[in-house]
Amino acid sequence: MNSAEASPVLVDVERGVALLTLNRPEHLNAYTAEMGALLSTAYRTCDEDDDVRAIVVTGAGRAFCAGADFSGGATPFDSRQHDATFSASPIDPPAFELRKPVIAALNGHAIGIGLTIALQADIRILAGDAKYGVVQVRRGVIPDCMAHWTLAHLTNLGVAAELLLTGRTFGGQEAVAYGIANRAVPAAQVLDAALEMARDIAVNVAPMSAALSKRLLWDSAIHGYTPRQVASLETQLHHRVMGTPDASEGVAAFVDRRSPRFSGSVAADWNALPEP
């Protein structure tokens, strides 16, 4: 899955990790509809590929994504009243609906849709000295990519309200303090840190275990499961994985002090989570 260098989204798979790169560095990776469509396609392709065990999303150059592209004259905020194809959530599926862990490596500024796309990832590592913001209310529109939901779940309602309703920008350390980011590091270290985490997942985590755990985590937030409902689902999912070759391999590798050789196929063996 290698993309041509001119593509707005580059895809490279190596050692179990898919690296997806927003690739319009001359425009600070400003978002376009083509970029959104290509990212969506890359997400779907990676999710069905057993050779991909973790996904890292980053930006080329010195920004992650500086927001919507205003360089072509007409803006993305022209009237959409009668456009049945318009969606405020153009990344489909969003990263949290994938079965693979998704790490957003925010190597630089992430503004507007650049940040709201990253908020859909499972884990965010960002540049401490870059600027971040859900600024859409300052452009006369409203936040997108389900940010009213993702922000409220990543942080608390008061912080989400402040960031969504003021549209102000903030730095990396503030993002970590709010719970929006997992880690802030120097910009030059962001991608390496994300790839290190992704490669650890690719080597040491059973793919089906990661897929089931991720779905239970996000579905619990989406559906508002109670602790007892989560306990019921954890039990049902344990029954699904106990006794499988990967469960035996995980224990054997631990006892032998070696890296596991997991063989399970998420693409072939996936079943949706049961009801709690």
Protein backbone atom coordinates (compact mmCIF):
# COMPACT_ATOMS: atom_id res chain seq x y z
CA MET A 1 0.00 0.00 0.00
CA ASN A 2 2.38 2.69 -1.13
CA SER A 3 0.94 5.93 -2.49
CA ALA A 4 2.34 8.23 -5.13
CA GLU A 5 4.31 11.13 -3.70
CA ALA A 6 1.81 13.65 -5.09
CA SER A 7 -1.09 12.18 -3.14
CA PRO A 8 -2.61 14.31 -0.35
CA VAL A 9 -2.46 11.21 1.88
CA LEU A 10 0.55 8.88 1.82
CA VAL A 11 0.23 5.30 3.08
CA ASP A 12 3.19 3.17 4.10
CA VAL A 13 3.00 -0.17 5.91
CA GLU A 14 6.08 -1.55 7.62
CA ARG A 15 6.54 -4.06 10.45
CA GLY A 16 2.84 -4.16 11.26
CA VAL A 17 2.39 -0.38 11.41
CA ALA A 18 0.52 1.69 8.84
CA LEU A 19 1.83 5.25 8.66
CA LEU A 20 -0.74 7.62 7.13
CA THR A 21 0.69 11.03 6.30
CA LEU A 22 -1.35 14.11 5.45
CA ASN A 23 0.73 15.35 2.54
CA ARG A 24 0.17 18.99 1.56
CA PRO A 25 3.14 20.49 3.40
CA GLU A 26 3.25 23.60 1.21
CA HIS A 27 -0.24 24.41 2.57
CA LEU A 28 0.48 23.21 6.13
CA ASN A 29 -1.59 20.12 5.22
CA ALA A 30 -4.76 22.20 5.01
CA TYR A 31 -7.77 19.93 4.72
CA THR A 32 -9.52 19.29 1.40
CA ALA A 33 -12.38 16.98 0.46
CA GLU A 34 -9.90 14.83 -1.49
CA MET A 35 -7.72 14.48 1.60
CA GLY A 36 -10.74 13.42 3.65
CA ALA A 37 -11.81 10.84 1.09
CA LEU A 38 -8.30 9.39 0.85
CA LEU A 39 -7.92 9.22 4.63
CA SER A 40 -11.28 7.45 4.89
CA THR A 41 -10.22 4.93 2.25
CA ALA A 42 -6.89 4.35 4.00
CA TYR A 43 -8.68 3.74 7.29
CA ARG A 44 -11.00 1.17 5.71
CA THR A 45 -8.16 -0.58 3.88
CA CYS A 46 -5.96 -0.78 6.98
CA ASP A 47 -8.82 -2.08 9.07
CA GLU A 48 -9.26 -5.05 6.75
CA ASP A 49 -5.54 -5.81 6.44
CA ASP A 50 -4.20 -8.32 8.96
CA ASP A 51 -0.68 -7.11 8.18
CA VAL A 52 -1.65 -3.82 9.87
CA ARG A 53 -1.78 -4.06 13.64
CA ALA A 54 -1.59 -0.36 14.50
CA ILE A 55 -2.09 2.90 12.63
CA VAL A 56 -0.22 6.19 13.02
CA VAL A 57 -1.60 9.38 11.46
CA THR A 58 0.76 12.36 11.06
CA GLY A 59 1.46 15.35 8.85
CA ALA A 60 4.23 16.11 6.37
CA GLY A 61 6.42 19.11 7.11
CA ARG A 62 5.95 21.40 10.09
CA ALA A 63 2.20 21.08 10.72
CA PHE A 64 -0.26 18.28 11.32
CA CYS A 65 -3.18 20.06 9.65
CA ALA A 66 -3.77 23.82 9.77
CA GLY A 67 -7.52 23.51 9.20
CA ALA A 68 -9.74 23.86 6.17
CA ASP A 69 -8.13 24.93 2.90
CA PHE A 70 -8.94 28.54 1.96
CA SER A 71 -6.36 28.78 -0.84
CA GLY A 72 -8.63 28.10 -3.81
CA GLY A 73 -10.85 31.18 -3.68
CA ALA A 74 -14.16 29.52 -2.79
CA THR A 75 -14.18 28.48 0.86
CA PRO A 76 -15.34 25.16 2.29
CA PHE A 77 -18.01 27.15 4.16
CA ASP A 78 -19.99 28.22 1.09
CA SER A 79 -23.70 27.44 1.29
CA ARG A 80 -24.47 23.74 1.73
CA GLN A 81 -28.18 24.17 2.44
CA HIS A 82 -29.23 22.19 -0.61
CA ASP A 83 -26.20 19.90 -0.95
CA ALA A 84 -27.38 16.45 0.08
CA THR A 85 -23.81 15.11 -0.14
CA PHE A 86 -22.40 17.45 2.53
CA SER A 87 -21.42 15.95 5.88
CA ALA A 88 -19.85 17.68 8.87
CA SER A 89 -18.18 14.33 9.63
CA PRO A 90 -16.40 13.56 6.36
CA ILE A 91 -13.94 11.01 7.78
CA ASP A 92 -15.87 7.77 7.42
CA PRO A 93 -15.28 5.64 9.35
CA PRO A 94 -13.92 7.79 12.17
CA ALA A 95 -10.78 6.40 13.76
CA PHE A 96 -12.60 5.22 16.89
CA GLU A 97 -14.76 2.87 14.79
CA LEU A 98 -11.75 0.97 13.45
CA ARG A 99 -10.63 -2.28 15.08
CA LYS A 100 -6.95 -1.30 15.01
CA PRO A 101 -5.40 1.10 17.56
CA VAL A 102 -4.98 4.54 15.99
CA ILE A 103 -2.30 6.96 17.25
CA ALA A 104 -2.39 10.58 16.10
CA ALA A 105 1.12 12.01 15.91
CA LEU A 106 0.51 15.76 15.87
CA ASN A 107 3.91 16.92 14.69
CA GLY A 108 2.85 20.58 14.57
CA HIS A 109 -0.15 22.90 14.52
CA ALA A 110 -3.58 21.22 14.44
CA ILE A 111 -6.37 23.73 13.97
CA GLY A 112 -10.08 23.31 13.27
CA ILE A 113 -10.77 20.09 11.40
CA GLY A 114 -7.08 19.26 11.80
CA LEU A 115 -7.65 18.85 15.51
CA THR A 116 -11.14 17.37 15.34
CA ILE A 117 -9.86 14.56 13.10
CA ALA A 118 -7.13 13.82 15.66
CA LEU A 119 -9.67 13.81 18.50
CA GLN A 120 -11.18 10.69 16.93
CA ALA A 121 -7.96 8.70 17.42
CA ASP A 122 -7.39 6.43 20.40
CA ILE A 123 -4.13 8.07 21.49
CA ARG A 124 -2.60 11.49 20.77
CA ILE A 125 1.08 12.45 20.99
CA LEU A 126 1.69 16.07 20.10
CA ALA A 127 4.31 18.77 19.76
CA GLY A 128 4.53 20.75 22.95
CA ASP A 129 5.31 24.05 21.23
CA ALA A 130 2.58 23.91 18.54
CA LYS A 131 -0.87 25.50 18.59
CA TYR A 132 -4.16 23.63 18.77
CA GLY A 133 -7.75 24.77 18.64
CA VAL A 134 -11.31 23.96 17.63
CA VAL A 135 -11.72 27.38 16.03
CA GLN A 136 -14.78 26.90 13.85
CA VAL A 137 -17.03 29.27 15.82
CA ARG A 138 -14.54 32.03 14.91
CA ARG A 139 -15.11 31.26 11.23
CA GLY A 140 -18.90 31.56 11.43
CA VAL A 141 -19.57 27.80 11.42
CA ILE A 142 -19.55 25.13 14.15
CA PRO A 143 -17.12 22.36 15.19
CA ASP A 144 -17.17 19.16 13.13
CA CYS A 145 -16.03 15.53 13.09
CA MET A 146 -18.14 14.77 16.18
CA ALA A 147 -16.06 17.14 18.32
CA HIS A 148 -19.05 17.91 20.54
CA TRP A 149 -18.93 14.24 21.54
CA THR A 150 -15.19 13.44 21.45
CA LEU A 151 -14.14 16.48 23.48
CA ALA A 152 -16.83 15.93 26.10
CA HIS A 153 -15.59 12.36 26.60
CA LEU A 154 -11.86 13.09 26.51
CA THR A 155 -12.12 15.92 29.01
CA ASN A 156 -14.98 17.30 31.09
CA LEU A 157 -18.04 19.23 29.98
CA GLY A 158 -16.74 22.55 31.27
CA VAL A 159 -13.44 22.31 29.38
CA ALA A 160 -15.22 21.09 26.25
CA ALA A 161 -17.61 24.04 26.46
CA GLU A 162 -14.76 26.51 26.83
CA LEU A 163 -12.82 25.15 23.86
CA LEU A 164 -15.84 24.70 21.59
CA LEU A 165 -17.55 28.00 22.40
CA THR A 166 -14.52 30.31 22.52
CA GLY A 167 -12.60 28.73 19.64
CA ARG A 168 -9.38 29.84 21.30
CA THR A 169 -6.04 28.20 20.64
CA PHE A 170 -3.92 26.47 23.27
CA GLY A 171 -0.55 24.77 23.58
CA GLY A 172 0.62 21.21 24.00
CA GLN A 173 1.04 21.18 27.76
CA GLU A 174 -2.44 22.61 28.20
CA ALA A 175 -3.80 19.87 25.93
CA VAL A 176 -2.18 17.24 28.14
CA ALA A 177 -3.51 18.88 31.30
CA TYR A 178 -7.02 18.82 29.84
CA GLY A 179 -6.72 15.13 28.93
CA ILE A 180 -7.00 15.88 25.22
CA ALA A 181 -3.49 14.55 24.57
CA ASN A 182 -1.61 11.65 26.15
CA ARG A 183 1.83 13.20 25.82
CA ALA A 184 3.55 16.39 24.66
CA VAL A 185 7.13 16.13 23.38
CA PRO A 186 9.40 18.29 21.20
CA ALA A 187 8.10 18.40 17.63
CA ALA A 188 11.08 16.48 16.26
CA GLN A 189 10.29 13.57 18.60
CA VAL A 190 6.54 13.25 17.97
CA LEU A 191 6.59 10.78 15.10
CA ASP A 192 9.31 8.62 16.64
CA ALA A 193 7.34 8.41 19.91
CA ALA A 194 4.16 7.45 18.08
CA LEU A 195 5.91 4.85 15.93
CA GLU A 196 7.63 3.35 18.97
CA MET A 197 4.24 2.89 20.64
CA ALA A 198 2.67 1.51 17.47
CA ARG A 199 5.51 -0.97 16.91
CA ASP A 200 5.21 -2.18 20.49
CA ILE A 201 1.52 -2.85 19.85
CA ALA A 202 2.30 -4.55 16.55
CA VAL A 203 4.79 -6.94 18.18
CA ASN A 204 3.37 -7.58 21.64
CA VAL A 205 -0.43 -7.21 21.47
CA ALA A 206 -2.77 -9.89 20.14
CA PRO A 207 -4.74 -8.33 17.25
CA MET A 208 -8.12 -9.75 18.27
CA SER A 209 -7.55 -8.75 21.89
CA ALA A 210 -6.81 -5.19 20.82
CA ALA A 211 -9.82 -5.11 18.51
CA LEU A 212 -12.25 -6.38 21.14
CA SER A 213 -10.83 -4.18 23.89
CA LYS A 214 -10.99 -1.08 21.68
CA ARG A 215 -14.56 -1.75 20.63
CA LEU A 216 -15.66 -2.32 24.23
CA LEU A 217 -13.91 0.87 25.34
CA TRP A 218 -15.53 3.07 22.72
CA ASP A 219 -18.91 1.33 22.71
CA SER A 220 -19.10 1.83 26.47
CA ALA A 221 -18.72 5.57 25.89
CA ILE A 222 -21.06 5.67 22.89
CA HIS A 223 -23.86 3.65 24.47
CA GLY A 224 -23.33 4.70 28.08
CA TYR A 225 -22.98 1.17 29.45
CA THR A 226 -23.18 0.75 33.20
CA PRO A 227 -20.31 -0.95 35.07
CA ARG A 228 -22.37 -4.15 35.36
CA GLN A 229 -23.06 -4.12 31.62
CA VAL A 230 -19.34 -3.73 30.96
CA ALA A 231 -18.65 -6.62 33.33
CA SER A 232 -21.10 -8.80 31.39
CA LEU A 233 -19.45 -7.91 28.09
CA GLU A 234 -15.96 -8.48 29.46
CA THR A 235 -17.04 -11.96 30.55
CA GLN A 236 -18.60 -12.75 27.16
CA LEU A 237 -15.51 -11.51 25.32
CA HIS A 238 -13.21 -13.48 27.60
CA HIS A 239 -15.12 -16.60 26.61
CA ARG A 240 -14.52 -15.64 22.97
CA VAL A 241 -10.72 -15.43 23.30
CA MET A 242 -9.93 -17.95 26.04
CA GLY A 243 -8.63 -21.21 24.60
CA THR A 244 -7.69 -19.68 21.26
CA PRO A 245 -4.21 -20.21 19.77
CA ASP A 246 -3.34 -16.58 20.51
CA ALA A 247 -4.25 -16.98 24.18
CA SER A 248 -1.96 -20.01 24.40
CA GLU A 249 0.78 -18.21 22.48
CA GLY A 250 0.59 -15.12 24.67
CA VAL A 251 1.17 -17.16 27.83
CA ALA A 252 3.86 -19.33 26.22
CA ALA A 253 5.77 -16.26 25.00
CA PHE A 254 5.60 -14.71 28.46
CA VAL A 255 6.89 -17.88 30.12
CA ASP A 256 9.62 -18.30 27.50
CA ARG A 257 10.56 -14.60 27.71
CA ARG A 258 10.27 -14.07 23.97
CA SER A 259 8.16 -12.01 21.61
CA PRO A 260 4.79 -13.62 20.83
CA ARG A 261 3.88 -14.93 17.39
CA PHE A 262 0.19 -14.16 17.19
CA SER A 263 -1.70 -15.70 14.27
CA GLY A 264 -5.31 -14.64 14.77
CA SER A 265 -7.09 -12.85 11.92
CA VAL A 266 -9.35 -9.95 12.78
CA ALA A 267 -10.45 -9.68 9.15
CA ALA A 268 -11.53 -13.33 8.95
CA ASP A 269 -12.72 -14.04 12.49
CA TRP A 270 -14.38 -10.80 13.57
CA ASN A 271 -17.82 -10.86 15.13
CA ALA A 272 -19.54 -7.75 16.44
CA LEU A 273 -19.76 -7.32 20.18
CA PRO A 274 -22.77 -8.97 21.82
CA GLU A 275 -25.44 -7.08 23.70
CA PRO A 276 -24.58 -6.39 27.36
